[in-house]
């Protein structure tokens, strides 16, 4: 289970793949960090104004961080093995 911190603004650093705890919201899009993957969810508009430009730049900067991090990993596998479901004790037993 991923521990979540509250969605943060752009001032809180989010280092791609550094932990399973941080997230960042840009407009309505949230990037949720994980050590194996980064999840994106939500929706935002890149409006044709300064606010849209700011959101587009913030998304682009984060995506470039992700690409740079992946490209720097020399032993990057072709794909990750599927996750195994964790066994959870029955709370009603």
Protein backbone atom coordinates (compact mmCIF):
# COMPACT_ATOMS: atom_id res chain seq x y z
CA UNK A 1 0.00 0.00 0.00
CA UNK A 2 1.31 3.40 -0.91
CA UNK A 3 1.51 5.99 1.80
CA UNK A 4 0.29 9.34 0.61
CA UNK A 5 1.25 12.78 1.60
CA UNK A 6 -1.15 15.55 0.81
CA UNK A 7 -0.91 16.86 -2.71
CA UNK A 8 1.64 19.57 -2.76
CA UNK A 9 2.30 22.65 -4.72
CA UNK A 10 5.19 23.12 -7.09
CA UNK A 11 7.54 24.21 -4.29
CA UNK A 12 7.75 20.69 -2.85
CA UNK A 13 10.33 18.68 -4.74
CA UNK A 14 9.25 15.40 -6.25
CA UNK A 15 12.23 13.30 -7.26
CA UNK A 16 11.05 10.66 -9.75
CA UNK A 17 11.23 7.10 -8.37
CA UNK A 18 12.85 8.29 -5.11
CA UNK A 19 10.12 7.04 -2.76
CA UNK A 20 6.61 5.65 -2.44
CA UNK A 21 5.26 8.58 -0.53
CA UNK A 22 5.26 11.86 -2.39
CA UNK A 23 2.89 13.29 -4.91
CA UNK A 24 2.58 16.54 -6.74
CA UNK A 25 -0.45 18.16 -8.26
CA UNK A 26 -0.11 20.41 -11.26
CA UNK A 27 -3.41 21.96 -12.13
CA UNK A 28 -5.73 18.98 -11.77
CA UNK A 29 -3.11 16.36 -12.66
CA UNK A 30 -1.47 14.44 -9.84
CA UNK A 31 1.80 12.58 -10.19
CA UNK A 32 2.12 9.92 -7.49
CA UNK A 33 5.67 8.78 -6.95
CA UNK A 34 6.69 5.17 -6.64
CA UNK A 35 10.04 3.43 -6.67
CA UNK A 36 8.92 1.20 -9.57
CA UNK A 37 6.52 3.51 -11.36
CA UNK A 38 4.91 6.90 -11.31
CA UNK A 39 1.13 7.12 -11.57
CA UNK A 40 -0.65 10.05 -13.18
CA UNK A 41 -4.28 10.75 -12.67
CA UNK A 42 -6.68 13.62 -12.89
CA UNK A 43 -7.42 16.14 -15.53
CA UNK A 44 -6.24 19.61 -16.33
CA UNK A 45 -6.70 22.11 -19.07
CA UNK A 46 -3.78 23.73 -20.76
CA UNK A 47 -5.60 26.91 -21.51
CA UNK A 48 -4.32 29.40 -24.00
CA UNK A 49 -3.23 31.91 -21.38
CA UNK A 50 -0.40 32.46 -18.90
CA UNK A 51 -1.87 30.00 -16.42
CA UNK A 52 -1.99 27.34 -19.15
CA UNK A 53 1.58 28.09 -20.11
CA UNK A 54 2.66 27.77 -16.47
CA UNK A 55 0.91 24.39 -16.10
CA UNK A 56 2.35 23.15 -19.40
CA UNK A 57 5.86 24.14 -18.35
CA UNK A 58 5.46 22.50 -14.94
CA UNK A 59 4.21 19.25 -16.54
CA UNK A 60 6.99 19.34 -19.13
CA UNK A 61 9.65 19.96 -16.47
CA UNK A 62 8.45 17.02 -14.40
CA UNK A 63 8.20 14.72 -17.42
CA UNK A 64 11.73 15.72 -18.42
CA UNK A 65 12.91 14.75 -14.92
CA UNK A 66 11.27 11.36 -15.37
CA UNK A 67 12.90 10.85 -18.79
CA UNK A 68 16.31 11.95 -17.50
CA UNK A 69 16.07 9.63 -14.51
CA UNK A 70 15.12 6.65 -16.68
CA UNK A 71 17.75 7.44 -19.31
CA UNK A 72 20.47 7.65 -16.66
CA UNK A 73 19.73 4.14 -15.36
CA UNK A 74 22.23 1.90 -17.13
CA UNK A 75 20.58 -1.39 -16.16
CA UNK A 76 17.06 -0.38 -17.13
CA UNK A 77 15.07 -3.59 -17.78
CA UNK A 78 12.87 -4.07 -20.84
CA UNK A 79 9.90 -4.40 -18.50
CA UNK A 80 9.21 -4.99 -14.82
CA UNK A 81 7.81 -8.30 -13.62
CA UNK A 82 4.13 -8.18 -12.68
CA UNK A 83 3.35 -7.26 -9.10
CA UNK A 84 2.34 -10.10 -6.82
CA UNK A 85 -0.71 -9.44 -4.74
CA UNK A 86 0.07 -9.09 -1.06
CA UNK A 87 -1.67 -11.43 1.35
CA UNK A 88 -3.80 -9.47 3.80
CA UNK A 89 -5.19 -11.06 6.94
CA UNK A 90 -8.98 -11.32 6.99
CA UNK A 91 -10.16 -8.63 9.44
CA UNK A 92 -13.42 -10.57 10.04
CA UNK A 93 -11.80 -13.89 10.91
